[in-house]
Amino acid sequence: SGDSLYYSDSVKGRFTISRDNTKRTAYLQMNSLNPEDT
């Protein structure tokens, strides 16, 4: 349903997970990327 979201401490505040069930697709918006995210 998208009402429960979990994040690792290292990405919290920078990444956002979402989904569109009509498209059967999940997303990960990754902002403020740093080399450690490689």
Full PDB file with SEQRES, HELIX, SHEET, SSBOND, CRYST1, ORIGX, SCALE, CONECT and MASTER records, all heavy atoms in Angstrom:
SEQRES   1 A   38  SER GLY ASP SER LEU TYR TYR SER ASP SER VAL LYS GLY          
SEQRES   2 A   38  ARG PHE THR ILE SER ARG ASP ASN THR LYS ARG THR ALA          
SEQRES   3 A   38  TYR LEU GLN MET ASN SER LEU ASN PRO GLU ASP THR              
HELIX    1 AA1 PRO A   35  ASP A   37  5                                   3    
SHEET    1 AA1 2 PHE A  15  ASP A  20  0                                        
SHEET    2 AA1 2 THR A  25  MET A  30 -1                                        
CRYST1    1.000    1.000    1.000  90.00  90.00  90.00 P 1           1          
ORIGX1      1.000000  0.000000  0.000000        0.00000                         
ORIGX2      0.000000  1.000000  0.000000        0.00000                         
ORIGX3      0.000000  0.000000  1.000000        0.00000                         
SCALE1      1.000000  0.000000  0.000000        0.00000                         
SCALE2      0.000000  1.000000  0.000000        0.00000                         
SCALE3      0.000000  0.000000  1.000000        0.00000                         
ATOM      1  N   SER A   1       0.802  -1.214   0.000  1.00  0.00           N  
ATOM      2  CA  SER A   1       0.000   0.000   0.000  1.00  0.00           C  
ATOM      3  C   SER A   1       0.838   1.268   0.000  1.00  0.00           C  
ATOM      4  O   SER A   1       0.320   2.356  -0.279  1.00  0.00           O  
ATOM      5  CB  SER A   1      -0.938   0.017   1.201  1.00  0.00           C  
ATOM      6  OG  SER A   1      -0.206   0.048   2.408  1.00  0.00           O  
ATOM      7  N   GLY A   2       2.108   1.137   0.333  1.00  0.00           N  
ATOM      8  CA  GLY A   2       2.975   2.290   0.390  1.00  0.00           C  
ATOM      9  C   GLY A   2       2.934   3.050   1.694  1.00  0.00           C  
ATOM     10  O   GLY A   2       3.578   4.103   1.808  1.00  0.00           O  
ATOM     11  N   ASP A   3       2.213   2.552   2.680  1.00  0.00           N  
ATOM     12  CA  ASP A   3       2.090   3.260   3.947  1.00  0.00           C  
ATOM     13  C   ASP A   3       3.164   2.887   4.953  1.00  0.00           C  
ATOM     14  O   ASP A   3       3.253   3.527   6.007  1.00  0.00           O  
ATOM     15  CB  ASP A   3       0.708   3.040   4.559  1.00  0.00           C  
ATOM     16  CG  ASP A   3       0.398   1.572   4.805  1.00  0.00           C  
ATOM     17  OD1 ASP A   3       1.184   0.705   4.382  1.00  0.00           O  
ATOM     18  OD2 ASP A   3      -0.652   1.294   5.420  1.00  0.00           O  
ATOM     19  N   SER A   4       3.954   1.871   4.661  1.00  0.00           N  
ATOM     20  CA  SER A   4       5.057   1.483   5.537  1.00  0.00           C  
ATOM     21  C   SER A   4       6.356   1.563   4.752  1.00  0.00           C  
ATOM     22  O   SER A   4       6.523   0.866   3.752  1.00  0.00           O  
ATOM     23  CB  SER A   4       4.857   0.073   6.087  1.00  0.00           C  
ATOM     24  OG  SER A   4       3.710   0.002   6.915  1.00  0.00           O  
ATOM     25  N   LEU A   5       7.259   2.403   5.227  1.00  0.00           N  
ATOM     26  CA  LEU A   5       8.529   2.631   4.552  1.00  0.00           C  
ATOM     27  C   LEU A   5       9.673   2.401   5.526  1.00  0.00           C  
ATOM     28  O   LEU A   5       9.666   2.918   6.638  1.00  0.00           O  
ATOM     29  CB  LEU A   5       8.598   4.060   4.004  1.00  0.00           C  
ATOM     30  CG  LEU A   5       7.440   4.522   3.112  1.00  0.00           C  
ATOM     31  CD1 LEU A   5       7.594   5.999   2.787  1.00  0.00           C  
ATOM     32  CD2 LEU A   5       7.379   3.697   1.838  1.00  0.00           C  
ATOM     33  N   TYR A   6      10.663   1.639   5.091  1.00  0.00           N  
ATOM     34  CA  TYR A   6      11.861   1.399   5.886  1.00  0.00           C  
ATOM     35  C   TYR A   6      13.072   1.881   5.108  1.00  0.00           C  
ATOM     36  O   TYR A   6      13.162   1.703   3.895  1.00  0.00           O  
ATOM     37  CB  TYR A   6      12.037  -0.089   6.203  1.00  0.00           C  
ATOM     38  CG  TYR A   6      11.011  -0.690   7.132  1.00  0.00           C  
ATOM     39  CD1 TYR A   6      10.918  -2.074   7.263  1.00  0.00           C  
ATOM     40  CD2 TYR A   6      10.154   0.089   7.884  1.00  0.00           C  
ATOM     41  CE1 TYR A   6       9.989  -2.654   8.106  1.00  0.00           C  
ATOM     42  CE2 TYR A   6       9.220  -0.473   8.729  1.00  0.00           C  
ATOM     43  CZ  TYR A   6       9.141  -1.850   8.841  1.00  0.00           C  
ATOM     44  OH  TYR A   6       8.210  -2.425   9.682  1.00  0.00           O  
ATOM     45  N   TYR A   7      14.023   2.467   5.827  1.00  0.00           N  
ATOM     46  CA  TYR A   7      15.259   2.934   5.220  1.00  0.00           C  
ATOM     47  C   TYR A   7      16.439   2.557   6.097  1.00  0.00           C  
ATOM     48  O   TYR A   7      16.337   2.522   7.325  1.00  0.00           O  
ATOM     49  CB  TYR A   7      15.259   4.451   5.038  1.00  0.00           C  
ATOM     50  CG  TYR A   7      14.225   4.977   4.085  1.00  0.00           C  
ATOM     51  CD1 TYR A   7      13.012   5.476   4.545  1.00  0.00           C  
ATOM     52  CD2 TYR A   7      14.464   4.993   2.716  1.00  0.00           C  
ATOM     53  CE1 TYR A   7      12.060   5.970   3.668  1.00  0.00           C  
ATOM     54  CE2 TYR A   7      13.521   5.487   1.836  1.00  0.00           C  
ATOM     55  CZ  TYR A   7      12.320   5.974   2.319  1.00  0.00           C  
ATOM     56  OH  TYR A   7      11.380   6.464   1.440  1.00  0.00           O  
ATOM     57  N   SER A   8      17.562   2.291   5.466  1.00  0.00           N  
ATOM     58  CA  SER A   8      18.792   2.144   6.219  1.00  0.00           C  
ATOM     59  C   SER A   8      19.215   3.511   6.741  1.00  0.00           C  
ATOM     60  O   SER A   8      18.864   4.553   6.175  1.00  0.00           O  
ATOM     61  CB  SER A   8      19.893   1.539   5.353  1.00  0.00           C  
ATOM     62  OG  SER A   8      20.294   2.443   4.336  1.00  0.00           O  
ATOM     63  N   ASP A   9      19.981   3.512   7.813  1.00  0.00           N  
ATOM     64  CA  ASP A   9      20.408   4.778   8.400  1.00  0.00           C  
ATOM     65  C   ASP A   9      21.255   5.600   7.435  1.00  0.00           C  
ATOM     66  O   ASP A   9      21.211   6.835   7.451  1.00  0.00           O  
ATOM     67  CB  ASP A   9      21.195   4.523   9.682  1.00  0.00           C  
ATOM     68  CG  ASP A   9      20.329   3.994  10.806  1.00  0.00           C  
ATOM     69  OD1 ASP A   9      19.101   4.194  10.762  1.00  0.00           O  
ATOM     70  OD2 ASP A   9      20.882   3.387  11.742  1.00  0.00           O  
ATOM     71  N   SER A  10      22.001   4.938   6.587  1.00  0.00           N  
ATOM     72  CA  SER A  10      22.913   5.641   5.706  1.00  0.00           C  
ATOM     73  C   SER A  10      22.206   6.414   4.596  1.00  0.00           C  
ATOM     74  O   SER A  10      22.781   7.354   4.045  1.00  0.00           O  
ATOM     75  CB  SER A  10      23.918   4.664   5.092  1.00  0.00           C  
ATOM     76  OG  SER A  10      23.271   3.706   4.287  1.00  0.00           O  
ATOM     77  N   VAL A  11      20.981   6.028   4.260  1.00  0.00           N  
ATOM     78  CA  VAL A  11      20.279   6.681   3.159  1.00  0.00           C  
ATOM     79  C   VAL A  11      19.084   7.495   3.622  1.00  0.00           C  
ATOM     80  O   VAL A  11      18.504   8.231   2.816  1.00  0.00           O  
ATOM     81  CB  VAL A  11      19.829   5.672   2.089  1.00  0.00           C  
ATOM     82  CG1 VAL A  11      20.999   4.816   1.634  1.00  0.00           C  
ATOM     83  CG2 VAL A  11      18.687   4.796   2.605  1.00  0.00           C  
ATOM     84  N   LYS A  12      18.712   7.376   4.870  1.00  0.00           N  
ATOM     85  CA  LYS A  12      17.549   8.091   5.375  1.00  0.00           C  
ATOM     86  C   LYS A  12      17.734   9.593   5.188  1.00  0.00           C  
ATOM     87  O   LYS A  12      18.764  10.155   5.537  1.00  0.00           O  
ATOM     88  CB  LYS A  12      17.317   7.759   6.848  1.00  0.00           C  
ATOM     89  CG  LYS A  12      16.019   8.295   7.417  1.00  0.00           C  
ATOM     90  CD  LYS A  12      15.825   7.838   8.849  1.00  0.00           C  
ATOM     91  CE  LYS A  12      15.750   6.331   8.945  1.00  0.00           C  
ATOM     92  NZ  LYS A  12      15.490   5.871  10.337  1.00  0.00           N  
ATOM     93  N   GLY A  13      16.718  10.226   4.629  1.00  0.00           N  
ATOM     94  CA  GLY A  13      16.779  11.648   4.351  1.00  0.00           C  
ATOM     95  C   GLY A  13      17.314  11.981   2.980  1.00  0.00           C  
ATOM     96  O   GLY A  13      17.179  13.126   2.529  1.00  0.00           O  
ATOM     97  N   ARG A  14      17.923  11.013   2.320  1.00  0.00           N  
ATOM     98  CA  ARG A  14      18.471  11.227   0.979  1.00  0.00           C  
ATOM     99  C   ARG A  14      17.736  10.427  -0.084  1.00  0.00           C  
ATOM    100  O   ARG A  14      17.566  10.905  -1.203  1.00  0.00           O  
ATOM    101  CB  ARG A  14      19.955  10.862   0.938  1.00  0.00           C  
ATOM    102  CG  ARG A  14      20.818  11.687   1.875  1.00  0.00           C  
ATOM    103  CD  ARG A  14      22.303  11.417   1.631  1.00  0.00           C  
ATOM    104  NE  ARG A  14      22.652  10.016   1.884  1.00  0.00           N  
ATOM    105  CZ  ARG A  14      23.167   9.202   0.969  1.00  0.00           C  
ATOM    106  NH1 ARG A  14      23.410   9.652  -0.266  1.00  0.00           N  
ATOM    107  NH2 ARG A  14      23.475   7.956   1.281  1.00  0.00           N  
ATOM    108  N   PHE A  15      17.326   9.212   0.258  1.00  0.00           N  
ATOM    109  CA  PHE A  15      16.644   8.341  -0.689  1.00  0.00           C  
ATOM    110  C   PHE A  15      15.163   8.260  -0.334  1.00  0.00           C  
ATOM    111  O   PHE A  15      14.784   8.349   0.839  1.00  0.00           O  
ATOM    112  CB  PHE A  15      17.225   6.925  -0.667  1.00  0.00           C  
ATOM    113  CG  PHE A  15      18.629   6.815  -1.187  1.00  0.00           C  
ATOM    114  CD1 PHE A  15      19.364   7.930  -1.542  1.00  0.00           C  
ATOM    115  CD2 PHE A  15      19.218   5.562  -1.310  1.00  0.00           C  
ATOM    116  CE1 PHE A  15      20.661   7.813  -2.017  1.00  0.00           C  
ATOM    117  CE2 PHE A  15      20.504   5.432  -1.778  1.00  0.00           C  
ATOM    118  CZ  PHE A  15      21.232   6.554  -2.134  1.00  0.00           C  
ATOM    119  N   THR A  16      14.345   8.052  -1.337  1.00  0.00           N  
ATOM    120  CA  THR A  16      12.919   7.876  -1.144  1.00  0.00           C  
ATOM    121  C   THR A  16      12.438   6.702  -1.985  1.00  0.00           C  
ATOM    122  O   THR A  16      12.646   6.679  -3.200  1.00  0.00           O  
ATOM    123  CB  THR A  16      12.131   9.132  -1.535  1.00  0.00           C  
ATOM    124  OG1 THR A  16      12.585  10.247  -0.768  1.00  0.00           O  
ATOM    125  CG2 THR A  16      10.642   8.925  -1.270  1.00  0.00           C  
ATOM    126  N   ILE A  17      11.806   5.744  -1.336  1.00  0.00           N  
ATOM    127  CA  ILE A  17      11.230   4.615  -2.049  1.00  0.00           C  
ATOM    128  C   ILE A  17       9.742   4.877  -2.264  1.00  0.00           C  
ATOM    129  O   ILE A  17       9.062   5.422  -1.394  1.00  0.00           O  
ATOM    130  CB  ILE A  17      11.461   3.290  -1.293  1.00  0.00           C  
ATOM    131  CG1 ILE A  17      11.005   2.101  -2.145  1.00  0.00           C  
ATOM    132  CG2 ILE A  17      10.762   3.293   0.057  1.00  0.00           C  
ATOM    133  CD1 ILE A  17      11.384   0.749  -1.559  1.00  0.00           C  
ATOM    134  N   SER A  18       9.244   4.506  -3.416  1.00  0.00           N  
ATOM    135  CA  SER A  18       7.839   4.682  -3.733  1.00  0.00           C  
ATOM    136  C   SER A  18       7.424   3.593  -4.712  1.00  0.00           C  
ATOM    137  O   SER A  18       8.259   2.814  -5.187  1.00  0.00           O  
ATOM    138  CB  SER A  18       7.576   6.076  -4.317  1.00  0.00           C  
ATOM    139  OG  SER A  18       8.290   6.262  -5.521  1.00  0.00           O  
ATOM    140  N   ARG A  19       6.140   3.551  -5.009  1.00  0.00           N  
ATOM    141  CA  ARG A  19       5.666   2.563  -5.964  1.00  0.00           C  
ATOM    142  C   ARG A  19       4.390   3.039  -6.622  1.00  0.00           C  
ATOM    143  O   ARG A  19       3.639   3.846  -6.069  1.00  0.00           O  
ATOM    144  CB  ARG A  19       5.448   1.205  -5.287  1.00  0.00           C  
ATOM    145  CG  ARG A  19       4.322   1.185  -4.267  1.00  0.00           C  
ATOM    146  CD  ARG A  19       4.361  -0.094  -3.445  1.00  0.00           C  
ATOM    147  NE  ARG A  19       4.281  -1.278  -4.286  1.00  0.00           N  
ATOM    148  CZ  ARG A  19       4.558  -2.508  -3.883  1.00  0.00           C  
ATOM    149  NH1 ARG A  19       4.957  -2.720  -2.631  1.00  0.00           N  
ATOM    150  NH2 ARG A  19       4.455  -3.532  -4.721  1.00  0.00           N  
ATOM    151  N   ASP A  20       4.153   2.539  -7.804  1.00  0.00           N  
ATOM    152  CA  ASP A  20       2.937   2.802  -8.554  1.00  0.00           C  
ATOM    153  C   ASP A  20       2.384   1.444  -8.951  1.00  0.00           C  
ATOM    154  O   ASP A  20       2.872   0.822  -9.896  1.00  0.00           O  
ATOM    155  CB  ASP A  20       3.223   3.665  -9.776  1.00  0.00           C  
ATOM    156  CG  ASP A  20       1.954   4.061 -10.517  1.00  0.00           C  
ATOM    157  OD1 ASP A  20       0.911   3.420 -10.327  1.00  0.00           O  
ATOM    158  OD2 ASP A  20       2.018   5.033 -11.298  1.00  0.00           O  
ATOM    159  N   ASN A  21       1.386   0.990  -8.221  1.00  0.00           N  
ATOM    160  CA  ASN A  21       0.875  -0.353  -8.442  1.00  0.00           C  
ATOM    161  C   ASN A  21       0.138  -0.492  -9.769  1.00  0.00           C  
ATOM    162  O   ASN A  21       0.024  -1.599 -10.298  1.00  0.00           O  
ATOM    163  CB  ASN A  21      -0.037  -0.768  -7.284  1.00  0.00           C  
ATOM    164  CG  ASN A  21       0.726  -1.010  -6.006  1.00  0.00           C  
ATOM    165  OD1 ASN A  21       1.945  -1.204  -6.024  1.00  0.00           O  
ATOM    166  ND2 ASN A  21       0.023  -1.004  -4.885  1.00  0.00           N  
ATOM    167  N   THR A  22      -0.387   0.603 -10.286  1.00  0.00           N  
ATOM    168  CA  THR A  22      -1.037   0.534 -11.591  1.00  0.00           C  
ATOM    169  C   THR A  22      -0.029   0.237 -12.685  1.00  0.00           C  
ATOM    170  O   THR A  22      -0.378  -0.347 -13.710  1.00  0.00           O  
ATOM    171  CB  THR A  22      -1.781   1.829 -11.915  1.00  0.00           C  
ATOM    172  OG1 THR A  22      -0.855   2.920 -11.993  1.00  0.00           O  
ATOM    173  CG2 THR A  22      -2.811   2.132 -10.842  1.00  0.00           C  
ATOM    174  N   LYS A  23       1.212   0.639 -12.476  1.00  0.00           N  
ATOM    175  CA  LYS A  23       2.282   0.357 -13.421  1.00  0.00           C  
ATOM    176  C   LYS A  23       3.129  -0.835 -13.005  1.00  0.00           C  
ATOM    177  O   LYS A  23       4.053  -1.217 -13.734  1.00  0.00           O  
ATOM    178  CB  LYS A  23       3.183   1.580 -13.586  1.00  0.00           C  
ATOM    179  CG  LYS A  23       2.475   2.808 -14.121  1.00  0.00           C  
ATOM    180  CD  LYS A  23       3.439   3.978 -14.244  1.00  0.00           C  
ATOM    181  CE  LYS A  23       2.752   5.206 -14.792  1.00  0.00           C  
ATOM    182  NZ  LYS A  23       3.687   6.355 -14.901  1.00  0.00           N  
ATOM    183  N   ARG A  24       2.818  -1.408 -11.840  1.00  0.00           N  
ATOM    184  CA  ARG A  24       3.582  -2.519 -11.283  1.00  0.00           C  
ATOM    185  C   ARG A  24       5.066  -2.175 -11.237  1.00  0.00           C  
ATOM    186  O   ARG A  24       5.925  -2.972 -11.628  1.00  0.00           O  
ATOM    187  CB  ARG A  24       3.330  -3.803 -12.078  1.00  0.00           C  
ATOM    188  CG  ARG A  24       1.862  -4.221 -12.088  1.00  0.00           C  
ATOM    189  CD  ARG A  24       1.675  -5.664 -12.496  1.00  0.00           C  
ATOM    190  NE  ARG A  24       2.129  -5.922 -13.845  1.00  0.00           N  
ATOM    191  CZ  ARG A  24       2.082  -7.096 -14.438  1.00  0.00           C  
ATOM    192  NH1 ARG A  24       1.585  -8.147 -13.780  1.00  0.00           N  
ATOM    193  NH2 ARG A  24       2.518  -7.247 -15.669  1.00  0.00           N  
ATOM    194  N   THR A  25       5.349  -0.991 -10.741  1.00  0.00           N  
ATOM    195  CA  THR A  25       6.709  -0.483 -10.729  1.00  0.00           C  
ATOM    196  C   THR A  25       7.031   0.147  -9.383  1.00  0.00           C  
ATOM    197  O   THR A  25       6.215   0.877  -8.822  1.00  0.00           O  
ATOM    198  CB  THR A  25       6.920   0.554 -11.839  1.00  0.00           C  
ATOM    199  OG1 THR A  25       6.634  -0.041 -13.108  1.00  0.00           O  
ATOM    200  CG2 THR A  25       8.351   1.059 -11.835  1.00  0.00           C  
ATOM    201  N   ALA A  26       8.216  -0.143  -8.873  1.00  0.00           N  
ATOM    202  CA  ALA A  26       8.736   0.502  -7.684  1.00  0.00           C  
ATOM    203  C   ALA A  26       9.878   1.424  -8.078  1.00  0.00           C  
ATOM    204  O   ALA A  26      10.548   1.209  -9.096  1.00  0.00           O  
ATOM    205  CB  ALA A  26       9.217  -0.535  -6.666  1.00  0.00           C  
ATOM    206  N   TYR A  27      10.107   2.444  -7.255  1.00  0.00           N  
ATOM    207  CA  TYR A  27      11.114   3.445  -7.567  1.00  0.00           C  
ATOM    208  C   TYR A  27      12.004   3.687  -6.353  1.00  0.00           C  
ATOM    209  O   TYR A  27      11.599   3.490  -5.208  1.00  0.00           O  
ATOM    210  CB  TYR A  27      10.475   4.772  -7.966  1.00  0.00           C  
ATOM    211  CG  TYR A  27       9.482   4.662  -9.101  1.00  0.00           C  
ATOM    212  CD1 TYR A  27       8.124   4.507  -8.847  1.00  0.00           C  
ATOM    213  CD2 TYR A  27       9.908   4.712 -10.424  1.00  0.00           C  
ATOM    214  CE1 TYR A  27       7.216   4.401  -9.888  1.00  0.00           C  
ATOM    215  CE2 TYR A  27       9.007   4.612 -11.465  1.00  0.00           C  
ATOM    216  CZ  TYR A  27       7.656   4.459 -11.191  1.00  0.00           C  
ATOM    217  OH  TYR A  27       6.760   4.359 -12.225  1.00  0.00           O  
ATOM    218  N   LEU A  28      13.206   4.132  -6.635  1.00  0.00           N  
ATOM    219  CA  LEU A  28      14.113   4.591  -5.603  1.00  0.00           C  
ATOM    220  C   LEU A  28      14.703   5.913  -6.071  1.00  0.00           C  
ATOM    221  O   LEU A  28      15.559   5.934  -6.960  1.00  0.00           O  
ATOM    222  CB  LEU A  28      15.219   3.579  -5.318  1.00  0.00           C  
ATOM    223  CG  LEU A  28      16.153   3.946  -4.166  1.00  0.00           C  
ATOM    224  CD1 LEU A  28      15.390   3.908  -2.837  1.00  0.00           C  
ATOM    225  CD2 LEU A  28      17.354   3.017  -4.115  1.00  0.00           C  
ATOM    226  N   GLN A  29      14.217   7.002  -5.489  1.00  0.00           N  
ATOM    227  CA  GLN A  29      14.764   8.317  -5.778  1.00  0.00           C  
ATOM    228  C   GLN A  29      15.990   8.536  -4.914  1.00  0.00           C  
ATOM    229  O   GLN A  29      15.898   8.495  -3.686  1.00  0.00           O  
ATOM    230  CB  GLN A  29      13.721   9.406  -5.510  1.00  0.00           C  
ATOM    231  CG  GLN A  29      14.213  10.820  -5.775  1.00  0.00           C  
ATOM    232  CD  GLN A  29      14.507  11.069  -7.233  1.00  0.00           C  
ATOM    233  OE1 GLN A  29      13.709  10.712  -8.092  1.00  0.00           O  
ATOM    234  NE2 GLN A  29      15.658  11.658  -7.524  1.00  0.00           N  
ATOM    235  N   MET A  30      17.124   8.751  -5.546  1.00  0.00           N  
ATOM    236  CA  MET A  30      18.395   8.863  -4.856  1.00  0.00           C  
ATOM    237  C   MET A  30      18.913  10.288  -5.022  1.00  0.00           C  
ATOM    238  O   MET A  30      19.292  10.691  -6.116  1.00  0.00           O  
ATOM    239  CB  MET A  30      19.399   7.854  -5.411  1.00  0.00           C  
ATOM    240  CG  MET A  30      18.840   6.440  -5.526  1.00  0.00           C  
ATOM    241  SD  MET A  30      19.897   5.327  -6.486  1.00  0.00           S  
ATOM    242  CE  MET A  30      21.248   5.082  -5.343  1.00  0.00           C  
ATOM    243  N   ASN A  31      18.920  11.030  -3.936  1.00  0.00           N  
ATOM    244  CA  ASN A  31      19.403  12.405  -3.939  1.00  0.00           C  
ATOM    245  C   ASN A  31      20.661  12.523  -3.095  1.00  0.00           C  
ATOM    246  O   ASN A  31      20.955  11.669  -2.265  1.00  0.00           O  
ATOM    247  CB  ASN A  31      18.330  13.354  -3.402  1.00  0.00           C  
ATOM    248  CG  ASN A  31      17.086  13.384  -4.247  1.00  0.00           C  
ATOM    249  OD1 ASN A  31      17.138  13.199  -5.459  1.00  0.00           O  
ATOM    250  ND2 ASN A  31      15.939  13.638  -3.611  1.00  0.00           N  
ATOM    251  N   SER A  32      21.382  13.606  -3.314  1.00  0.00           N  
ATOM    252  CA  SER A  32      22.604  13.879  -2.556  1.00  0.00           C  
ATOM    253  C   SER A  32      23.534  12.679  -2.545  1.00  0.00           C  
ATOM    254  O   SER A  32      24.068  12.281  -1.511  1.00  0.00           O  
ATOM    255  CB  SER A  32      22.260  14.307  -1.124  1.00  0.00           C  
ATOM    256  OG  SER A  32      21.440  15.455  -1.113  1.00  0.00           O  
ATOM    257  N   LEU A  33      23.740  12.116  -3.700  1.00  0.00           N  
ATOM    258  CA  LEU A  33      24.573  10.927  -3.811  1.00  0.00           C  
ATOM    259  C   LEU A  33      26.030  11.239  -3.470  1.00  0.00           C  
ATOM    260  O   LEU A  33      26.528  12.322  -3.758  1.00  0.00           O  
ATOM    261  CB  LEU A  33      24.484  10.354  -5.214  1.00  0.00           C  
ATOM    262  CG  LEU A  33      23.167   9.640  -5.547  1.00  0.00           C  
ATOM    263  CD1 LEU A  33      23.010   9.482  -7.049  1.00  0.00           C  
ATOM    264  CD2 LEU A  33      23.131   8.287  -4.853  1.00  0.00           C  
ATOM    265  N   ASN A  34      26.679  10.281  -2.863  1.00  0.00           N  
ATOM    266  CA  ASN A  34      28.092  10.391  -2.557  1.00  0.00           C  
ATOM    267  C   ASN A  34      28.796   9.125  -3.031  1.00  0.00           C  
ATOM    268  O   ASN A  34      28.151   8.120  -3.327  1.00  0.00           O  
ATOM    269  CB  ASN A  34      28.320  10.631  -1.060  1.00  0.00           C  
ATOM    270  CG  ASN A  34      27.719   9.553  -0.183  1.00  0.00           C  
ATOM    271  OD1 ASN A  34      28.146   8.404  -0.243  1.00  0.00           O  
ATOM    272  ND2 ASN A  34      26.741   9.924   0.637  1.00  0.00           N  
ATOM    273  N   PRO A  35      30.116   9.157  -3.132  1.00  0.00           N  
ATOM    274  CA  PRO A  35      30.837   7.984  -3.654  1.00  0.00           C  
ATOM    275  C   PRO A  35      30.571   6.703  -2.879  1.00  0.00           C  
ATOM    276  O   PRO A  35      30.668   5.612  -3.452  1.00  0.00           O  
ATOM    277  CB  PRO A  35      32.307   8.409  -3.546  1.00  0.00           C  
ATOM    278  CG  PRO A  35      32.268   9.889  -3.682  1.00  0.00           C  
ATOM    279  CD  PRO A  35      31.024  10.313  -2.960  1.00  0.00           C  
ATOM    280  N   GLU A  36      30.235   6.807  -1.606  1.00  0.00           N  
ATOM    281  CA  GLU A  36      29.939   5.621  -0.805  1.00  0.00           C  
ATOM    282  C   GLU A  36      28.662   4.927  -1.251  1.00  0.00           C  
ATOM    283  O   GLU A  36      28.421   3.780  -0.867  1.00  0.00           O  
ATOM    284  CB  GLU A  36      29.849   5.984   0.672  1.00  0.00           C  
ATOM    285  CG  GLU A  36      31.186   6.344   1.330  1.00  0.00           C  
ATOM    286  CD  GLU A  36      31.748   7.658   0.821  1.00  0.00           C  
ATOM    287  OE1 GLU A  36      30.957   8.592   0.586  1.00  0.00           O  
ATOM    288  OE2 GLU A  36      32.982   7.754   0.659  1.00  0.00           O  
ATOM    289  N   ASP A  37      27.847   5.604  -2.046  1.00  0.00           N  
ATOM    290  CA  ASP A  37      26.634   4.997  -2.568  1.00  0.00           C  
ATOM    291  C   ASP A  37      26.896   4.127  -3.789  1.00  0.00           C  
ATOM    292  O   ASP A  37      25.980   3.457  -4.274  1.00  0.00           O  
ATOM    293  CB  ASP A  37      25.608   6.071  -2.928  1.00  0.00           C  
ATOM    294  CG  ASP A  37      25.147   6.866  -1.721  1.00  0.00           C  
ATOM    295  OD1 ASP A  37      24.899   6.251  -0.662  1.00  0.00           O  
ATOM    296  OD2 ASP A  37      25.024   8.098  -1.847  1.00  0.00           O  
ATOM    297  N   THR A  38      28.099   4.155  -4.304  1.00  0.00           N  
ATOM    298  CA  THR A  38      28.431   3.360  -5.479  1.00  0.00           C  
ATOM    299  C   THR A  38      28.196   1.882  -5.199  1.00  0.00           C  
ATOM    300  O   THR A  38      28.756   1.323  -4.258  1.00  0.00           O  
ATOM    301  CB  THR A  38      29.889   3.589  -5.894  1.00  0.00           C  
ATOM    302  OG1 THR A  38      30.058   4.950  -6.314  1.00  0.00           O  
ATOM    303  CG2 THR A  38      30.271   2.672  -7.045  1.00  0.00           C  
TER     304      THR A  38                                                      
MASTER        0    0    0    1    2    0    0    6  303    1    0    3          
END                                                                             
